[in-house]
Amino acid sequence: MSQQKNTSLPNQTQSFWRATADQLKYKQLDENINVDVAIVGGGIAGITAAYLLAKRGKKVALLEARELVNGTTGNTTAKLTAQHNLVYDELINRYGQDWAKLYYQANMEGIALIKQLSEELQIECDLEEQEAFVFTQEEENRSKLMKELDAYEKLGIEGDFLEDLPLSLDIEAALMMRNQAQFHPMKFLNGLLGELVQLDAKIYDYTRVVEIENKDHILCHSEQGYKVTSNQVIVATHFPIHEPDKFYSGNLNPEGSYALALKVNNELNEFPDGMYINTDLPRRTLRKMNKEGEDYILVGGESHPVGDGTSSEQRYEKLATYAKENFGEEEIVYRWFSHDYISPDRMPFVGLLNPQEDGIYTATGFGKWGLANAAVGGKLLADLVEGKENPYQELFSPQRNIGSMQDNERSNHNPDEYETYTRPEKPEDLKKEQGAVLKVDGKDVGAYRDGEGNLHMLDLTCTHLGCGVEWNDGNSTWDCPCHGSRFTATGEVIDGPAVEALKRLDEQ
């Protein structure tokens, strides 16, 4: 199954949020330091926790392996919502009404916290209230929305069942949730980072923590050989880099998804207010954005297991085709990839990282719905560090009793619908900026030719637990199918749990 490449797609991947906000720069850790709390990971959970703790008088260090807000937070759809597709009927059946309602309340508190901080600190982050909609175009899925509506009524969630939406789509039914919001996550977090500087917090980027030792004090060792000594540590990385019992490797499933930003050139094509996602397959998510008075449409979807070997470039193509069919010949300005982890019960793990180790906390497994959850999770982490009670500590605890994964939000894609990426047969066949798994002397190796024509040969063994990585042709990365580690085309770590680069086989 072959199709012609869509030349309207941008050559480079960059999210709308990262392209339309300042990228704040900080220095790399270049000395040993002592603080009260070390926070590893510069996304919304880590930055929120850092701000709240610094505001409460704690001496804080924030450590980010790459650029701040460069991970999932900077590559999101930026919906602030408690409507996580169809989740509440499932939560009631799994845990009962009390916990399902608590989950809704936690997300609403996360939205309220972002609103509160934006107002108090006067952060201009395009925050606006919106209604959220989950819809179906298939008659057989109408009953799923009816069951979710029943869950809304049991839990006291404000919403409505609708027969139509102001979209250029043939809608069978939709479920609306009131009092939700959308915002610009980078602008919001840039505001918090500015406040952290005023509170004398220590902020470091390009400072990868490669080891955490729990002794009399907790030591975070950087890749450059420096140490941060603290009483407590929050590991708010994409996947915990400290995992003594491999609990997270066994309970988090890595998934990737894709998004496009379309510039709206036709006033007749004005996209309506509201945030939209379908419950059909393939999954599609939609919302409106604005840059300097010009409207853009976000079109996202194409979820699949990370490192499954199918063509990521083709997934961008499918989104582009969907956008053209439904929104016309709009210019595609940005395209980007999001990397998420999904827990067995679709709720995040926020709390004590390991029951055998005091003083180390984590926030992970936000399952594509991490913004409101991560904000309230940051507050939960700050409370746990200070020994304060928090209403959500049992709900989000990594030590909660969880069952098996349900497939309501899993990708459920059919890999046979997608091509595997084209694999040249020999290293000399690689074009510039092309990578592939090749047979060299009877052994699979990773080969990549950079923009200057230099050939890079890599061992395909993931440096986390030894799985074989696969080439991602849409994002020019090496991705691990087991636990979701991702590496640049030349082998450097992008996302953990791996902390070491892929082994180089030569330096040609």
Protein backbone atom coordinates (compact mmCIF):
# COMPACT_ATOMS: atom_id res chain seq x y z
CA MET A 1 0.00 0.00 0.00
CA SER A 2 1.85 3.08 -1.20
CA GLN A 3 0.81 6.70 -1.41
CA GLN A 4 2.37 9.88 -2.72
CA LYS A 5 4.05 12.09 -0.13
CA ASN A 6 2.06 15.17 0.86
CA THR A 7 4.46 18.01 0.04
CA SER A 8 2.28 20.45 2.01
CA LEU A 9 3.59 19.01 5.29
CA PRO A 10 6.35 21.06 6.96
CA ASN A 11 9.77 19.43 6.70
CA GLN A 12 10.58 19.83 10.40
CA THR A 13 8.56 18.80 13.43
CA GLN A 14 7.79 21.62 15.87
CA SER A 15 4.73 22.13 18.02
CA PHE A 16 2.53 25.19 17.74
CA TRP A 17 3.23 25.95 21.42
CA ARG A 18 7.00 25.86 21.11
CA ALA A 19 6.91 27.91 17.91
CA THR A 20 4.75 30.67 19.39
CA ALA A 21 6.40 31.24 22.79
CA ASP A 22 9.81 32.23 24.08
CA GLN A 23 12.19 29.41 24.97
CA LEU A 24 13.73 30.44 28.29
CA LYS A 25 17.38 29.51 28.74
CA TYR A 26 19.17 28.58 31.94
CA LYS A 27 22.67 27.42 32.72
CA GLN A 28 23.85 23.83 32.96
CA LEU A 29 24.69 22.55 36.44
CA ASP A 30 28.44 23.10 36.87
CA GLU A 31 28.97 22.57 40.62
CA ASN A 32 27.77 20.46 43.53
CA ILE A 33 24.83 22.06 45.34
CA ASN A 34 22.64 21.45 48.40
CA VAL A 35 18.90 22.16 48.48
CA ASP A 36 15.80 21.11 50.42
CA VAL A 37 14.07 19.55 47.40
CA ALA A 38 15.48 18.50 44.02
CA ILE A 39 12.93 18.28 41.21
CA VAL A 40 13.95 16.25 38.19
CA GLY A 41 11.90 17.10 35.09
CA GLY A 42 10.87 20.45 33.64
CA GLY A 43 7.30 19.84 32.48
CA ILE A 44 4.07 21.10 34.02
CA ALA A 45 4.11 18.70 37.00
CA GLY A 46 7.70 19.48 37.95
CA ILE A 47 7.48 23.24 37.41
CA THR A 48 4.16 23.52 39.31
CA ALA A 49 5.56 21.55 42.25
CA ALA A 50 8.75 23.63 42.18
CA TYR A 51 6.80 26.91 42.25
CA LEU A 52 4.48 25.83 45.08
CA LEU A 53 7.37 24.56 47.22
CA ALA A 54 9.50 27.65 46.59
CA LYS A 55 6.51 29.83 47.46
CA ARG A 56 6.25 27.93 50.76
CA GLY A 57 9.86 28.74 51.57
CA LYS A 58 11.65 25.59 50.39
CA LYS A 59 15.07 25.81 48.77
CA VAL A 60 14.43 24.19 45.39
CA ALA A 61 16.51 23.02 42.42
CA LEU A 62 14.78 22.24 39.12
CA LEU A 63 16.79 19.99 36.79
CA GLU A 64 15.86 19.38 33.15
CA ALA A 65 17.72 17.01 30.83
CA ARG A 66 17.09 19.10 27.70
CA GLU A 67 15.17 22.34 27.21
CA LEU A 68 12.44 23.13 29.72
CA VAL A 69 8.89 22.33 28.57
CA ASN A 70 10.31 20.34 25.65
CA GLY A 71 8.65 17.02 26.49
CA THR A 72 5.00 16.03 26.54
CA THR A 73 3.91 19.37 28.04
CA GLY A 74 5.32 21.25 25.05
CA ASN A 75 3.80 18.83 22.53
CA THR A 76 0.26 18.55 23.82
CA THR A 77 -3.15 19.59 22.48
CA ALA A 78 -3.31 22.00 25.45
CA LYS A 79 -6.83 21.08 26.53
CA LEU A 80 -7.59 21.71 30.20
CA THR A 81 -10.41 19.27 30.73
CA ALA A 82 -11.83 16.60 33.00
CA GLN A 83 -13.52 15.00 29.96
CA HIS A 84 -10.99 12.32 29.12
CA ASN A 85 -12.92 10.81 26.26
CA LEU A 86 -15.12 8.11 27.86
CA VAL A 87 -13.67 7.38 31.29
CA TYR A 88 -16.26 7.86 34.04
CA ASP A 89 -18.43 4.81 33.38
CA GLU A 90 -15.24 2.73 33.39
CA LEU A 91 -14.03 4.30 36.65
CA ILE A 92 -17.37 3.69 38.34
CA ASN A 93 -17.28 0.03 37.33
CA ARG A 94 -13.66 -0.33 38.43
CA TYR A 95 -13.54 1.72 41.65
CA GLY A 96 -17.07 2.87 42.48
CA GLN A 97 -18.77 6.27 42.38
CA ASP A 98 -16.75 7.89 45.17
CA TRP A 99 -13.39 7.45 43.47
CA ALA A 100 -14.79 8.31 40.03
CA LYS A 101 -16.16 11.56 41.45
CA LEU A 102 -12.85 12.24 43.18
CA TYR A 103 -11.07 11.87 39.83
CA TYR A 104 -13.41 14.43 38.26
CA GLN A 105 -12.90 16.78 41.21
CA ALA A 106 -9.12 16.42 40.99
CA ASN A 107 -9.13 17.49 37.34
CA MET A 108 -11.47 20.39 38.02
CA GLU A 109 -9.15 21.49 40.83
CA GLY A 110 -6.23 21.32 38.40
CA ILE A 111 -8.07 23.62 35.99
CA ALA A 112 -8.93 25.97 38.85
CA LEU A 113 -5.29 26.04 40.02
CA ILE A 114 -4.05 27.07 36.57
CA LYS A 115 -6.72 29.78 36.40
CA GLN A 116 -5.82 30.99 39.89
CA LEU A 117 -2.08 31.17 39.21
CA SER A 118 -2.64 32.87 35.85
CA GLU A 119 -4.74 35.57 37.52
CA GLU A 120 -2.57 36.03 40.63
CA LEU A 121 0.69 36.22 38.68
CA GLN A 122 -0.84 38.04 35.69
CA ILE A 123 0.38 35.44 33.21
CA GLU A 124 -0.92 36.02 29.68
CA CYS A 125 -1.34 32.46 28.40
CA ASP A 126 -4.42 32.58 26.12
CA LEU A 127 -6.49 30.98 28.87
CA GLU A 128 -10.19 30.83 28.02
CA GLU A 129 -13.13 28.81 29.19
CA GLN A 130 -14.46 26.28 26.71
CA GLU A 131 -16.94 23.46 26.60
CA ALA A 132 -15.52 20.01 25.86
CA PHE A 133 -17.22 17.52 23.52
CA VAL A 134 -16.75 13.83 22.86
CA PHE A 135 -18.64 12.69 19.77
CA THR A 136 -19.32 9.75 17.50
CA GLN A 137 -20.14 9.49 13.82
CA GLU A 138 -21.12 5.83 14.13
CA GLU A 139 -24.54 4.63 15.25
CA GLU A 140 -23.06 1.62 17.09
CA ASN A 141 -21.10 3.94 19.41
CA ARG A 142 -24.12 5.98 20.43
CA SER A 143 -24.80 3.61 23.34
CA LYS A 144 -21.29 4.28 24.74
CA LEU A 145 -22.11 7.97 25.00
CA MET A 146 -25.42 7.15 26.67
CA LYS A 147 -23.61 5.05 29.30
CA GLU A 148 -21.16 7.90 29.90
CA LEU A 149 -24.07 10.34 30.22
CA ASP A 150 -25.52 8.09 32.92
CA ALA A 151 -22.14 8.23 34.69
CA TYR A 152 -22.20 12.06 34.45
CA GLU A 153 -25.61 12.10 36.12
CA LYS A 154 -24.49 9.77 38.90
CA LEU A 155 -21.43 11.91 39.61
CA GLY A 156 -23.09 15.30 39.28
CA ILE A 157 -21.01 16.34 36.26
CA GLU A 158 -22.48 19.27 34.36
CA GLY A 159 -23.08 18.23 30.76
CA ASP A 160 -25.57 17.54 27.98
CA PHE A 161 -26.31 14.88 25.38
CA LEU A 162 -26.43 16.41 21.88
CA GLU A 163 -27.55 15.26 18.46
CA ASP A 164 -25.40 17.70 16.48
CA LEU A 165 -22.28 19.89 16.70
CA PRO A 166 -21.17 23.05 14.84
CA LEU A 167 -18.54 21.05 12.94
CA SER A 168 -18.39 20.17 9.25
CA LEU A 169 -18.87 16.52 10.17
CA ASP A 170 -21.84 14.17 10.11
CA ILE A 171 -22.42 13.67 13.85
CA GLU A 172 -24.44 10.77 15.26
CA ALA A 173 -24.31 11.96 18.90
CA ALA A 174 -22.13 13.97 21.28
CA LEU A 175 -21.61 14.47 24.99
CA MET A 176 -20.71 17.92 26.30
CA MET A 177 -18.93 18.83 29.56
CA ARG A 178 -19.24 22.39 30.83
CA ASN A 179 -16.72 24.66 32.56
CA GLN A 180 -13.57 23.38 30.86
CA ALA A 181 -10.73 25.47 29.42
CA GLN A 182 -7.85 25.70 26.98
CA PHE A 183 -4.59 27.65 27.18
CA HIS A 184 -1.02 28.06 25.92
CA PRO A 185 1.06 25.77 28.16
CA MET A 186 4.47 27.26 27.34
CA LYS A 187 3.37 30.82 28.05
CA PHE A 188 1.86 29.69 31.35
CA LEU A 189 4.96 27.80 32.44
CA ASN A 190 7.27 30.59 31.29
CA GLY A 191 5.35 32.75 33.76
CA LEU A 192 5.90 30.25 36.59
CA LEU A 193 9.59 29.95 35.70
CA GLY A 194 9.93 33.73 35.95
CA GLU A 195 8.37 33.59 39.41
CA LEU A 196 10.75 30.80 40.41
CA VAL A 197 13.70 33.03 39.55
CA GLN A 198 12.25 35.74 41.78
CA LEU A 199 11.93 33.16 44.58
CA ASP A 200 15.66 32.31 44.25
CA ALA A 201 15.03 28.78 43.01
CA LYS A 202 17.89 27.15 41.13
CA ILE A 203 16.95 26.21 37.56
CA TYR A 204 19.17 24.18 35.24
CA ASP A 205 18.62 22.90 31.72
CA TYR A 206 20.74 20.46 29.73
CA THR A 207 21.38 18.77 33.08
CA ARG A 208 20.45 15.11 32.77
CA VAL A 209 20.20 13.20 36.05
CA VAL A 210 21.56 9.72 35.41
CA GLU A 211 21.47 8.25 38.92
CA ILE A 212 19.66 8.84 42.23
CA GLU A 213 21.22 7.52 45.44
CA ASN A 214 19.18 7.35 48.65
CA LYS A 215 21.59 7.55 51.59
CA ASP A 216 21.53 9.84 54.64
CA HIS A 217 20.60 12.47 52.07
CA ILE A 218 19.39 11.89 48.53
CA LEU A 219 21.97 12.45 45.81
CA CYS A 220 21.09 13.26 42.20
CA HIS A 221 24.10 12.65 39.93
CA SER A 222 24.23 14.63 36.70
CA GLU A 223 25.61 13.36 33.42
CA GLN A 224 28.50 15.81 33.79
CA GLY A 225 29.49 14.37 37.19
CA TYR A 226 28.00 16.97 39.57
CA LYS A 227 25.78 16.18 42.55
CA VAL A 228 22.63 17.74 43.96
CA THR A 229 22.20 16.82 47.63
CA SER A 230 18.69 17.17 49.05
CA ASN A 231 16.35 15.89 51.72
CA GLN A 232 13.68 14.95 49.20
CA VAL A 233 13.46 14.40 45.44
CA ILE A 234 10.57 14.62 43.00
CA VAL A 235 11.06 12.59 39.81
CA ALA A 236 8.69 14.31 37.40
CA THR A 237 10.35 12.97 34.27
CA HIS A 238 8.40 11.41 31.44
CA PHE A 239 9.18 7.97 32.88
CA PRO A 240 10.91 7.53 36.26
CA ILE A 241 14.67 7.36 35.81
CA HIS A 242 14.90 5.76 39.26
CA GLU A 243 13.05 2.44 39.29
CA PRO A 244 14.49 -0.07 41.79
CA ASP A 245 11.69 -2.65 41.47
CA LYS A 246 10.74 -2.21 37.76
CA PHE A 247 7.14 -1.47 38.77
CA TYR A 248 6.75 1.28 36.17
CA SER A 249 8.29 -0.80 33.38
CA GLY A 250 5.54 -3.34 34.00
CA ASN A 251 2.67 -0.89 34.40
CA LEU A 252 3.16 1.88 31.84
CA ASN A 253 2.49 1.47 28.13
CA PRO A 254 4.20 3.97 25.79
CA GLU A 255 2.09 5.49 23.02
CA GLY A 256 2.71 8.10 20.38
CA SER A 257 0.26 10.46 18.69
CA TYR A 258 0.46 13.27 16.15
CA ALA A 259 -0.87 16.76 15.54
CA LEU A 260 -1.05 19.38 12.80
CA ALA A 261 -1.69 23.12 13.02
CA LEU A 262 -3.64 24.51 10.07
CA LYS A 263 -3.67 28.23 9.34
CA VAL A 264 -7.23 29.33 8.56
CA ASN A 265 -7.16 31.43 5.40
CA ASN A 266 -10.87 31.45 4.63
CA GLU A 267 -13.28 33.35 6.91
CA LEU A 268 -16.07 31.04 5.77
CA ASN A 269 -14.09 28.17 7.32
CA GLU A 270 -14.09 29.67 10.79
CA PHE A 271 -13.70 26.92 13.38
CA PRO A 272 -16.23 26.99 16.24
CA ASP A 273 -15.44 27.43 19.92
CA GLY A 274 -15.12 24.23 21.94
CA MET A 275 -12.71 21.32 22.25
CA TYR A 276 -13.59 18.13 20.39
CA ILE A 277 -12.55 14.48 20.33
CA ASN A 278 -14.25 11.46 18.81
CA THR A 279 -14.70 8.06 20.38
CA ASP A 280 -14.50 6.31 17.00
CA LEU A 281 -11.45 4.82 15.34
CA PRO A 282 -9.30 6.32 14.07
CA ARG A 283 -9.28 8.81 16.93
CA ARG A 284 -9.34 12.51 16.04
CA THR A 285 -9.00 15.55 18.33
CA LEU A 286 -9.80 19.14 17.30
CA ARG A 287 -9.61 22.66 18.74
CA LYS A 288 -9.04 26.26 17.68
CA MET A 289 -5.87 28.25 18.43
CA ASN A 290 -4.80 31.83 17.82
CA LYS A 291 -1.50 33.54 17.04
CA GLU A 292 -1.28 37.31 16.68
CA GLY A 293 -4.94 37.57 15.75
CA GLU A 294 -4.87 34.75 13.21
CA ASP A 295 -6.83 31.54 13.76
CA TYR A 296 -5.40 28.05 13.50
CA ILE A 297 -7.02 24.62 13.75
CA LEU A 298 -5.38 21.77 15.62
CA VAL A 299 -6.03 18.34 14.11
CA GLY A 300 -4.59 15.44 16.09
CA GLY A 301 -4.76 11.68 16.40
CA GLU A 302 -3.15 8.53 14.96
CA SER A 303 -2.22 6.98 18.32
CA HIS A 304 -0.12 3.83 18.25
CA PRO A 305 2.41 1.95 20.40
CA VAL A 306 5.82 3.63 20.36
CA GLY A 307 8.40 1.77 18.28
CA ASP A 308 5.95 -0.54 16.50
CA GLY A 309 7.87 -0.16 13.23
CA THR A 310 5.03 1.38 11.22
CA SER A 311 5.59 4.58 9.26
CA SER A 312 5.13 7.72 11.36
CA GLU A 313 5.41 9.82 8.22
CA GLN A 314 2.33 8.04 6.88
CA ARG A 315 0.44 8.93 10.05
CA TYR A 316 1.12 12.62 9.45
CA GLU A 317 -0.12 12.05 5.91
CA LYS A 318 -3.38 10.54 7.18
CA LEU A 319 -3.99 13.54 9.42
CA ALA A 320 -3.25 15.87 6.50
CA THR A 321 -5.76 14.00 4.32
CA TYR A 322 -8.40 14.18 7.08
CA ALA A 323 -7.77 17.91 7.50
CA LYS A 324 -8.10 18.56 3.77
CA GLU A 325 -11.30 16.53 3.48
CA ASN A 326 -12.97 18.33 6.38
CA PHE A 327 -11.45 21.81 6.44
CA GLY A 328 -10.40 22.42 2.85
CA GLU A 329 -7.11 23.60 1.39
CA GLU A 330 -5.74 25.17 4.56
CA GLU A 331 -2.00 25.66 4.99
CA ILE A 332 -0.35 23.18 7.37
CA VAL A 333 2.09 25.31 9.34
CA TYR A 334 3.29 22.99 12.11
CA ARG A 335 3.39 19.28 12.76
CA TRP A 336 4.49 17.51 15.93
CA PHE A 337 4.62 14.26 17.86
CA SER A 338 3.50 13.54 21.42
CA HIS A 339 4.79 10.70 23.56
CA ASP A 340 2.64 9.47 26.45
CA TYR A 341 2.45 6.65 28.96
CA ILE A 342 -0.82 4.94 29.89
CA SER A 343 -1.36 3.16 33.20
CA PRO A 344 -3.58 0.06 33.57
CA ASP A 345 -6.47 2.10 35.02
CA ARG A 346 -5.82 5.22 32.91
CA MET A 347 -5.04 7.34 35.99
CA PRO A 348 -1.59 8.81 36.66
CA PHE A 349 0.89 7.67 39.27
CA VAL A 350 1.62 10.61 41.59
CA GLY A 351 3.12 9.97 44.99
CA LEU A 352 5.80 7.93 46.72
CA LEU A 353 7.89 6.37 43.95
CA ASN A 354 8.70 3.17 45.84
CA PRO A 355 7.20 2.05 49.17
CA GLN A 356 10.67 0.93 50.33
CA GLU A 357 12.25 4.38 49.89
CA ASP A 358 11.19 7.46 51.80
CA GLY A 359 11.68 10.89 50.35
CA ILE A 360 11.50 10.08 46.61
CA TYR A 361 8.28 10.96 44.80
CA THR A 362 7.14 10.65 41.20
CA ALA A 363 4.57 11.93 38.70
CA THR A 364 4.09 9.85 35.56
CA GLY A 365 1.56 7.95 33.45
CA PHE A 366 -0.74 10.84 32.57
CA GLY A 367 -2.18 8.94 29.60
CA LYS A 368 -2.68 11.80 27.09
CA TRP A 369 -4.72 13.84 29.59
CA GLY A 370 -1.94 15.28 31.72
CA LEU A 371 -2.43 19.02 31.97
CA ALA A 372 -5.16 19.37 34.60
CA ASN A 373 -3.98 16.14 36.24
CA ALA A 374 -0.38 17.32 36.32
CA ALA A 375 -1.28 20.69 37.82
CA VAL A 376 -3.19 19.11 40.69
CA GLY A 377 -0.45 16.47 40.81
CA GLY A 378 2.13 19.22 41.36
CA LYS A 379 0.11 20.44 44.33
CA LEU A 380 -0.17 16.88 45.64
CA LEU A 381 3.61 16.45 45.41
CA ALA A 382 4.21 19.72 47.24
CA ASP A 383 1.87 18.59 50.02
CA LEU A 384 3.53 15.18 50.29
CA VAL A 385 6.98 16.78 50.57
CA GLU A 386 5.71 18.87 53.48
CA GLY A 387 3.85 15.99 55.12
CA LYS A 388 0.45 17.58 54.55
CA GLU A 389 -2.74 15.63 53.91
CA ASN A 390 -4.12 15.84 50.38
CA PRO A 391 -7.52 14.52 49.24
CA TYR A 392 -6.00 12.86 46.14
CA GLN A 393 -3.02 11.02 47.62
CA GLU A 394 -4.76 7.62 47.66
CA LEU A 395 -6.45 8.16 44.31
CA PHE A 396 -3.17 8.78 42.47
CA SER A 397 -0.87 6.68 44.66
CA PRO A 398 1.45 4.34 42.71
CA GLN A 399 0.70 1.84 45.47
CA ARG A 400 -3.04 1.75 44.79
CA ASN A 401 -4.67 -1.55 43.86
CA ILE A 402 -4.86 -1.52 40.06
CA GLY A 403 -6.24 -4.12 37.69
CA SER A 404 -5.72 -4.87 34.03
CA MET A 405 -5.77 -2.40 31.17
CA GLN A 406 -9.10 -1.76 29.46
CA ASP A 407 -8.97 -0.95 25.77
CA ASN A 408 -11.29 2.07 25.73
CA GLU A 409 -8.43 4.56 25.26
CA ARG A 410 -5.68 2.30 23.95
CA SER A 411 -4.71 2.85 20.36
CA ASN A 412 -6.60 -0.16 18.97
CA HIS A 413 -5.04 0.53 15.61
CA ASN A 414 -4.62 -2.10 12.94
CA PRO A 415 -0.92 -2.11 12.01
CA ASP A 416 -1.77 -3.73 8.69
CA GLU A 417 -3.35 -0.41 7.64
CA TYR A 418 0.06 1.24 7.74
CA GLU A 419 3.20 0.64 5.79
CA THR A 420 6.46 -0.06 7.49
CA TYR A 421 8.91 2.66 6.57
CA THR A 422 11.01 2.10 3.47
CA ARG A 423 14.27 0.34 4.36
CA PRO A 424 17.29 0.76 2.08
CA GLU A 425 19.30 -2.41 1.72
CA LYS A 426 22.82 -1.00 2.23
CA PRO A 427 24.33 1.96 4.12
CA GLU A 428 25.40 3.54 0.84
CA ASP A 429 21.73 3.63 -0.23
CA LEU A 430 20.80 6.01 2.61
CA LYS A 431 19.90 9.51 1.50
CA LYS A 432 20.79 12.55 3.59
CA GLU A 433 18.76 12.76 6.84
CA GLN A 434 17.48 9.21 6.35
CA GLY A 435 17.77 6.35 8.82
CA ALA A 436 16.95 2.65 8.75
CA VAL A 437 17.59 -0.73 10.34
CA LEU A 438 20.07 -2.47 8.03
CA LYS A 439 21.80 -5.82 7.84
CA VAL A 440 25.55 -5.35 8.18
CA ASP A 441 27.66 -8.54 8.31
CA GLY A 442 24.50 -10.46 9.10
CA LYS A 443 23.59 -8.29 12.08
CA ASP A 444 20.84 -5.65 12.45
CA VAL A 445 22.32 -2.19 13.03
CA GLY A 446 20.90 1.32 13.07
CA ALA A 447 22.20 3.51 10.27
CA TYR A 448 21.65 7.24 9.75
CA ARG A 449 23.14 9.65 7.23
CA ASP A 450 23.10 13.24 8.47
CA GLY A 451 22.54 16.40 6.45
CA GLU A 452 26.25 16.70 5.66
CA GLY A 453 26.44 13.14 4.36
CA ASN A 454 28.17 11.59 7.37
CA LEU A 455 27.14 8.03 8.18
CA HIS A 456 26.32 7.09 11.78
CA MET A 457 26.13 3.41 12.77
CA LEU A 458 24.43 2.47 16.03
CA ASP A 459 23.81 -0.58 18.18
CA LEU A 460 20.02 -1.04 18.27
CA THR A 461 20.02 -2.21 21.90
CA CYS A 462 18.08 0.22 24.12
CA THR A 463 20.27 1.23 27.06
CA HIS A 464 17.37 0.88 29.51
CA LEU A 465 16.60 -2.85 29.57
CA GLY A 466 17.99 -4.08 26.26
CA CYS A 467 15.03 -4.08 23.86
CA GLY A 468 15.65 -3.36 20.18
CA VAL A 469 14.84 0.17 19.01
CA GLU A 470 13.08 0.99 15.73
CA TRP A 471 13.50 3.91 13.32
CA ASN A 472 10.76 6.57 13.43
CA ASP A 473 10.71 8.04 9.92
CA GLY A 474 8.28 10.87 10.70
CA ASN A 475 10.33 12.33 13.55
CA SER A 476 13.83 11.01 12.75
CA THR A 477 14.26 9.23 16.07
CA TRP A 478 15.04 5.74 17.36
CA ASP A 479 12.15 4.52 19.53
CA CYS A 480 11.98 1.63 21.99
CA PRO A 481 8.78 -0.46 21.78
CA CYS A 482 9.15 -1.89 25.30
CA HIS A 483 9.28 1.10 27.62
CA GLY A 484 9.21 4.08 25.27
CA SER A 485 12.76 5.44 25.44
CA ARG A 486 13.51 7.67 22.45
CA PHE A 487 16.86 8.64 20.95
CA THR A 488 17.97 11.19 18.37
CA ALA A 489 18.99 10.01 14.91
CA THR A 490 22.60 9.90 16.11
CA GLY A 491 21.75 8.06 19.31
CA GLU A 492 21.50 10.67 22.10
CA VAL A 493 18.71 10.26 24.68
CA ILE A 494 15.54 12.31 24.09
CA ASP A 495 13.15 10.60 26.51
CA GLY A 496 13.83 8.07 29.26
CA PRO A 497 13.71 5.76 31.07
CA ALA A 498 17.07 5.32 29.30
CA VAL A 499 19.76 7.72 30.52
CA GLU A 500 22.64 6.55 28.29
CA ALA A 501 23.02 7.08 24.54
CA LEU A 502 22.89 4.22 22.06
CA LYS A 503 26.27 2.62 21.55
CA ARG A 504 28.15 3.92 18.50
CA LEU A 505 29.50 1.23 16.20
CA ASP A 506 31.72 3.59 14.23
CA GLU A 507 32.40 7.28 13.72
CA GLN A 508 32.27 7.45 9.90
